[in-house]
Amino acid sequence: MSIAMTVLALVTGLLAGAFFRLLQVPIPAPPNLAGILGIVGLFLGYQLVDHFDVGVDLLGALGFR
């Protein structure tokens, strides 16, 4: 992922957040730091498992594939 794409994503998020606040509607994200860190933890866990190339084909193990 490039730096430009990361900055664009951040700017888009900031603009969307400002727009939600301007319209006085709740944001579709956790409203506190603990919720945000939970999302970051999910992402990092996913990346960690992907990096070490481990995992289980759950659907295959249950016979759905």
PDB file of N, CA and C in Angstrom:
ATOM      1  N   MET A   1       0.849  -1.172   0.000  1.00  0.00           N
ATOM      2  CA  MET A   1       0.000   0.000   0.000  1.00  0.00           C
ATOM      3  C   MET A   1       0.892   1.233   0.000  1.00  0.00           C
ATOM      4  N   SER A   2       0.561   2.179  -0.822  1.00  0.00           N
ATOM      5  CA  SER A   2       1.384   3.371  -0.953  1.00  0.00           C
ATOM      6  C   SER A   2       1.011   4.419   0.103  1.00  0.00           C
ATOM      7  N   ILE A   3       1.930   5.320   0.336  1.00  0.00           N
ATOM      8  CA  ILE A   3       1.698   6.422   1.271  1.00  0.00           C
ATOM      9  C   ILE A   3       0.550   7.301   0.773  1.00  0.00           C
ATOM     10  N   ALA A   4       0.510   7.532  -0.536  1.00  0.00           N
ATOM     11  CA  ALA A   4      -0.549   8.377  -1.100  1.00  0.00           C
ATOM     12  C   ALA A   4      -1.929   7.765  -0.839  1.00  0.00           C
ATOM     13  N   MET A   5      -2.040   6.447  -0.987  1.00  0.00           N
ATOM     14  CA  MET A   5      -3.322   5.783  -0.746  1.00  0.00           C
ATOM     15  C   MET A   5      -3.698   5.879   0.732  1.00  0.00           C
ATOM     16  N   THR A   6      -2.717   5.753   1.617  1.00  0.00           N
ATOM     17  CA  THR A   6      -2.967   5.848   3.049  1.00  0.00           C
ATOM     18  C   THR A   6      -3.439   7.250   3.425  1.00  0.00           C
ATOM     19  N   VAL A   7      -2.776   8.264   2.884  1.00  0.00           N
ATOM     20  CA  VAL A   7      -3.174   9.649   3.158  1.00  0.00           C
ATOM     21  C   VAL A   7      -4.564   9.921   2.596  1.00  0.00           C
ATOM     22  N   LEU A   8      -4.841   9.432   1.403  1.00  0.00           N
ATOM     23  CA  LEU A   8      -6.161   9.607   0.799  1.00  0.00           C
ATOM     24  C   LEU A   8      -7.247   8.955   1.664  1.00  0.00           C
ATOM     25  N   ALA A   9      -6.967   7.766   2.195  1.00  0.00           N
ATOM     26  CA  ALA A   9      -7.929   7.093   3.069  1.00  0.00           C
ATOM     27  C   ALA A   9      -8.159   7.900   4.340  1.00  0.00           C
ATOM     28  N   LEU A  10      -7.098   8.457   4.908  1.00  0.00           N
ATOM     29  CA  LEU A  10      -7.227   9.272   6.119  1.00  0.00           C
ATOM     30  C   LEU A  10      -8.048  10.526   5.844  1.00  0.00           C
ATOM     31  N   VAL A  11      -7.755  11.213   4.756  1.00  0.00           N
ATOM     32  CA  VAL A  11      -8.488  12.430   4.409  1.00  0.00           C
ATOM     33  C   VAL A  11      -9.959  12.105   4.144  1.00  0.00           C
ATOM     34  N   THR A  12     -10.217  11.011   3.451  1.00  0.00           N
ATOM     35  CA  THR A  12     -11.598  10.602   3.183  1.00  0.00           C
ATOM     36  C   THR A  12     -12.335  10.327   4.487  1.00  0.00           C
ATOM     37  N   GLY A  13     -11.669   9.639   5.422  1.00  0.00           N
ATOM     38  CA  GLY A  13     -12.277   9.366   6.714  1.00  0.00           C
ATOM     39  C   GLY A  13     -12.561  10.633   7.500  1.00  0.00           C
ATOM     40  N   LEU A  14     -11.604  11.570   7.473  1.00  0.00           N
ATOM     41  CA  LEU A  14     -11.811  12.840   8.172  1.00  0.00           C
ATOM     42  C   LEU A  14     -12.995  13.613   7.590  1.00  0.00           C
ATOM     43  N   LEU A  15     -13.078  13.655   6.267  1.00  0.00           N
ATOM     44  CA  LEU A  15     -14.190  14.352   5.622  1.00  0.00           C
ATOM     45  C   LEU A  15     -15.523  13.670   5.912  1.00  0.00           C
ATOM     46  N   ALA A  16     -15.534  12.355   5.874  1.00  0.00           N
ATOM     47  CA  ALA A  16     -16.778  11.623   6.171  1.00  0.00           C
ATOM     48  C   ALA A  16     -17.196  11.845   7.621  1.00  0.00           C
ATOM     49  N   GLY A  17     -16.222  11.817   8.554  1.00  0.00           N
ATOM     50  CA  GLY A  17     -16.533  12.070   9.956  1.00  0.00           C
ATOM     51  C   GLY A  17     -17.087  13.462  10.174  1.00  0.00           C
ATOM     52  N   ALA A  18     -16.473  14.447   9.514  1.00  0.00           N
ATOM     53  CA  ALA A  18     -16.961  15.825   9.620  1.00  0.00           C
ATOM     54  C   ALA A  18     -18.372  15.947   9.047  1.00  0.00           C
ATOM     55  N   PHE A  19     -18.622  15.257   7.953  1.00  0.00           N
ATOM     56  CA  PHE A  19     -19.948  15.287   7.325  1.00  0.00           C
ATOM     57  C   PHE A  19     -21.004  14.686   8.248  1.00  0.00           C
ATOM     58  N   PHE A  20     -20.682  13.542   8.880  1.00  0.00           N
ATOM     59  CA  PHE A  20     -21.615  12.929   9.829  1.00  0.00           C
ATOM     60  C   PHE A  20     -21.907  13.885  10.984  1.00  0.00           C
ATOM     61  N   ARG A  21     -20.867  14.531  11.506  1.00  0.00           N
ATOM     62  CA  ARG A  21     -21.051  15.457  12.628  1.00  0.00           C
ATOM     63  C   ARG A  21     -21.855  16.660  12.191  1.00  0.00           C
ATOM     64  N   LEU A  22     -21.585  17.162  10.986  1.00  0.00           N
ATOM     65  CA  LEU A  22     -22.318  18.310  10.457  1.00  0.00           C
ATOM     66  C   LEU A  22     -23.810  18.010  10.370  1.00  0.00           C
ATOM     67  N   LEU A  23     -24.137  16.790   9.952  1.00  0.00           N
ATOM     68  CA  LEU A  23     -25.542  16.385   9.839  1.00  0.00           C
ATOM     69  C   LEU A  23     -26.114  15.898  11.167  1.00  0.00           C
ATOM     70  N   GLN A  24     -25.277  15.853  12.204  1.00  0.00           N
ATOM     71  CA  GLN A  24     -25.664  15.428  13.547  1.00  0.00           C
ATOM     72  C   GLN A  24     -26.276  14.030  13.561  1.00  0.00           C
ATOM     73  N   VAL A  25     -25.609  13.106  12.842  1.00  0.00           N
ATOM     74  CA  VAL A  25     -25.995  11.700  12.874  1.00  0.00           C
ATOM     75  C   VAL A  25     -24.831  10.918  13.486  1.00  0.00           C
ATOM     76  N   PRO A  26     -25.127   9.785  14.130  1.00  0.00           N
ATOM     77  CA  PRO A  26     -24.038   9.016  14.747  1.00  0.00           C
ATOM     78  C   PRO A  26     -23.121   8.406  13.685  1.00  0.00           C
ATOM     79  N   ILE A  27     -21.848   8.307  14.025  1.00  0.00           N
ATOM     80  CA  ILE A  27     -20.895   7.724  13.089  1.00  0.00           C
ATOM     81  C   ILE A  27     -21.012   6.202  13.097  1.00  0.00           C
ATOM     82  N   PRO A  28     -20.757   5.563  11.970  1.00  0.00           N
ATOM     83  CA  PRO A  28     -20.830   4.093  11.916  1.00  0.00           C
ATOM     84  C   PRO A  28     -19.515   3.462  12.374  1.00  0.00           C
ATOM     85  N   ALA A  29     -19.045   3.878  13.541  1.00  0.00           N
ATOM     86  CA  ALA A  29     -17.788   3.385  14.102  1.00  0.00           C
ATOM     87  C   ALA A  29     -17.882   3.489  15.615  1.00  0.00           C
ATOM     88  N   PRO A  30     -17.037   2.772  16.318  1.00  0.00           N
ATOM     89  CA  PRO A  30     -17.050   2.887  17.785  1.00  0.00           C
ATOM     90  C   PRO A  30     -16.773   4.326  18.219  1.00  0.00           C
ATOM     91  N   PRO A  31     -17.535   4.828  19.187  1.00  0.00           N
ATOM     92  CA  PRO A  31     -17.388   6.226  19.587  1.00  0.00           C
ATOM     93  C   PRO A  31     -16.271   6.485  20.608  1.00  0.00           C
ATOM     94  N   ASN A  32     -15.500   5.454  20.951  1.00  0.00           N
ATOM     95  CA  ASN A  32     -14.450   5.681  21.942  1.00  0.00           C
ATOM     96  C   ASN A  32     -13.173   4.944  21.554  1.00  0.00           C
ATOM     97  N   LEU A  33     -12.097   5.247  22.265  1.00  0.00           N
ATOM     98  CA  LEU A  33     -10.783   4.694  21.936  1.00  0.00           C
ATOM     99  C   LEU A  33     -10.746   3.174  22.079  1.00  0.00           C
ATOM    100  N   ALA A  34     -11.425   2.628  23.075  1.00  0.00           N
ATOM    101  CA  ALA A  34     -11.425   1.171  23.264  1.00  0.00           C
ATOM    102  C   ALA A  34     -12.022   0.463  22.045  1.00  0.00           C
ATOM    103  N   GLY A  35     -13.067   1.002  21.487  1.00  0.00           N
ATOM    104  CA  GLY A  35     -13.672   0.409  20.291  1.00  0.00           C
ATOM    105  C   GLY A  35     -12.751   0.481  19.088  1.00  0.00           C
ATOM    106  N   ILE A  36     -12.083   1.610  18.936  1.00  0.00           N
ATOM    107  CA  ILE A  36     -11.135   1.776  17.833  1.00  0.00           C
ATOM    108  C   ILE A  36      -9.980   0.790  17.978  1.00  0.00           C
ATOM    109  N   LEU A  37      -9.459   0.644  19.206  1.00  0.00           N
ATOM    110  CA  LEU A  37      -8.365  -0.292  19.421  1.00  0.00           C
ATOM    111  C   LEU A  37      -8.810  -1.735  19.190  1.00  0.00           C
ATOM    112  N   GLY A  38     -10.072  -2.034  19.451  1.00  0.00           N
ATOM    113  CA  GLY A  38     -10.595  -3.361  19.139  1.00  0.00           C
ATOM    114  C   GLY A  38     -10.552  -3.636  17.646  1.00  0.00           C
ATOM    115  N   ILE A  39     -10.906  -2.651  16.855  1.00  0.00           N
ATOM    116  CA  ILE A  39     -10.853  -2.800  15.396  1.00  0.00           C
ATOM    117  C   ILE A  39      -9.405  -2.947  14.934  1.00  0.00           C
ATOM    118  N   VAL A  40      -8.507  -2.160  15.499  1.00  0.00           N
ATOM    119  CA  VAL A  40      -7.085  -2.266  15.153  1.00  0.00           C
ATOM    120  C   VAL A  40      -6.569  -3.654  15.524  1.00  0.00           C
ATOM    121  N   GLY A  41      -6.985  -4.163  16.685  1.00  0.00           N
ATOM    122  CA  GLY A  41      -6.579  -5.500  17.109  1.00  0.00           C
ATOM    123  C   GLY A  41      -7.064  -6.578  16.155  1.00  0.00           C
ATOM    124  N   LEU A  42      -8.299  -6.463  15.683  1.00  0.00           N
ATOM    125  CA  LEU A  42      -8.814  -7.410  14.693  1.00  0.00           C
ATOM    126  C   LEU A  42      -7.959  -7.403  13.430  1.00  0.00           C
ATOM    127  N   PHE A  43      -7.650  -6.213  12.961  1.00  0.00           N
ATOM    128  CA  PHE A  43      -6.838  -6.078  11.758  1.00  0.00           C
ATOM    129  C   PHE A  43      -5.445  -6.678  11.954  1.00  0.00           C
ATOM    130  N   LEU A  44      -4.807  -6.335  13.086  1.00  0.00           N
ATOM    131  CA  LEU A  44      -3.461  -6.838  13.332  1.00  0.00           C
ATOM    132  C   LEU A  44      -3.446  -8.358  13.499  1.00  0.00           C
ATOM    133  N   GLY A  45      -4.457  -8.914  14.149  1.00  0.00           N
ATOM    134  CA  GLY A  45      -4.548 -10.364  14.285  1.00  0.00           C
ATOM    135  C   GLY A  45      -4.687 -11.041  12.931  1.00  0.00           C
ATOM    136  N   TYR A  46      -5.514 -10.489  12.081  1.00  0.00           N
ATOM    137  CA  TYR A  46      -5.703 -11.021  10.729  1.00  0.00           C
ATOM    138  C   TYR A  46      -4.387 -10.981   9.961  1.00  0.00           C
ATOM    139  N   GLN A  47      -3.689  -9.840  10.028  1.00  0.00           N
ATOM    140  CA  GLN A  47      -2.419  -9.697   9.317  1.00  0.00           C
ATOM    141  C   GLN A  47      -1.365 -10.654   9.867  1.00  0.00           C
ATOM    142  N   LEU A  48      -1.349 -10.868  11.166  1.00  0.00           N
ATOM    143  CA  LEU A  48      -0.385 -11.766  11.793  1.00  0.00           C
ATOM    144  C   LEU A  48      -0.583 -13.206  11.311  1.00  0.00           C
ATOM    145  N   VAL A  49      -1.820 -13.666  11.312  1.00  0.00           N
ATOM    146  CA  VAL A  49      -2.104 -15.029  10.837  1.00  0.00           C
ATOM    147  C   VAL A  49      -1.774 -15.145   9.354  1.00  0.00           C
ATOM    148  N   ASP A  50      -2.102 -14.109   8.577  1.00  0.00           N
ATOM    149  CA  ASP A  50      -1.798 -14.120   7.148  1.00  0.00           C
ATOM    150  C   ASP A  50      -0.285 -14.138   6.912  1.00  0.00           C
ATOM    151  N   HIS A  51       0.456 -13.402   7.709  1.00  0.00           N
ATOM    152  CA  HIS A  51       1.914 -13.335   7.559  1.00  0.00           C
ATOM    153  C   HIS A  51       2.557 -14.710   7.789  1.00  0.00           C
ATOM    154  N   PHE A  52       2.094 -15.427   8.785  1.00  0.00           N
ATOM    155  CA  PHE A  52       2.667 -16.733   9.092  1.00  0.00           C
ATOM    156  C   PHE A  52       2.010 -17.862   8.298  1.00  0.00           C
ATOM    157  N   ASP A  53       1.056 -17.514   7.444  1.00  0.00           N
ATOM    158  CA  ASP A  53       0.390 -18.461   6.544  1.00  0.00           C
ATOM    159  C   ASP A  53      -0.155 -19.674   7.288  1.00  0.00           C
ATOM    160  N   VAL A  54      -0.852 -19.407   8.369  1.00  0.00           N
ATOM    161  CA  VAL A  54      -1.520 -20.467   9.114  1.00  0.00           C
ATOM    162  C   VAL A  54      -3.015 -20.207   9.070  1.00  0.00           C
ATOM    163  N   GLY A  55      -3.769 -21.240   9.229  1.00  0.00           N
ATOM    164  CA  GLY A  55      -5.216 -21.082   9.246  1.00  0.00           C
ATOM    165  C   GLY A  55      -5.889 -22.411   8.999  1.00  0.00           C
ATOM    166  N   VAL A  56      -7.186 -22.404   9.162  1.00  0.00           N
ATOM    167  CA  VAL A  56      -7.990 -23.604   8.993  1.00  0.00           C
ATOM    168  C   VAL A  56      -9.122 -23.267   8.028  1.00  0.00           C
ATOM    169  N   ASP A  57      -9.345 -24.127   7.058  1.00  0.00           N
ATOM    170  CA  ASP A  57     -10.475 -23.963   6.151  1.00  0.00           C
ATOM    171  C   ASP A  57     -11.710 -24.483   6.880  1.00  0.00           C
ATOM    172  N   LEU A  58     -12.376 -23.594   7.605  1.00  0.00           N
ATOM    173  CA  LEU A  58     -13.500 -23.985   8.444  1.00  0.00           C
ATOM    174  C   LEU A  58     -14.646 -24.576   7.632  1.00  0.00           C
ATOM    175  N   LEU A  59     -14.968 -23.931   6.519  1.00  0.00           N
ATOM    176  CA  LEU A  59     -16.059 -24.453   5.676  1.00  0.00           C
ATOM    177  C   LEU A  59     -15.723 -25.821   5.124  1.00  0.00           C
ATOM    178  N   GLY A  60     -14.463 -26.026   4.734  1.00  0.00           N
ATOM    179  CA  GLY A  60     -14.030 -27.332   4.255  1.00  0.00           C
ATOM    180  C   GLY A  60     -14.067 -28.372   5.358  1.00  0.00           C
ATOM    181  N   ALA A  61     -13.640 -27.994   6.559  1.00  0.00           N
ATOM    182  CA  ALA A  61     -13.649 -28.934   7.678  1.00  0.00           C
ATOM    183  C   ALA A  61     -15.063 -29.334   8.063  1.00  0.00           C
ATOM    184  N   LEU A  62     -16.019 -28.447   7.855  1.00  0.00           N
ATOM    185  CA  LEU A  62     -17.418 -28.760   8.169  1.00  0.00           C
ATOM    186  C   LEU A  62     -18.142 -29.427   7.017  1.00  0.00           C
ATOM    187  N   GLY A  63     -17.458 -29.610   5.888  1.00  0.00           N
ATOM    188  CA  GLY A  63     -18.018 -30.315   4.734  1.00  0.00           C
ATOM    189  C   GLY A  63     -18.879 -29.445   3.818  1.00  0.00           C
ATOM    190  N   PHE A  64     -18.709 -28.126   3.870  1.00  0.00           N
ATOM    191  CA  PHE A  64     -19.479 -27.249   3.009  1.00  0.00           C
ATOM    192  C   PHE A  64     -18.774 -26.909   1.709  1.00  0.00           C
ATOM    193  N   ARG A  65     -17.576 -27.455   1.494  1.00  0.00           N
ATOM    194  CA  ARG A  65     -16.854 -27.217   0.237  1.00  0.00           C
ATOM    195  C   ARG A  65     -16.528 -28.537  -0.397  1.00  0.00           C
TER     196      ARG A  65
END
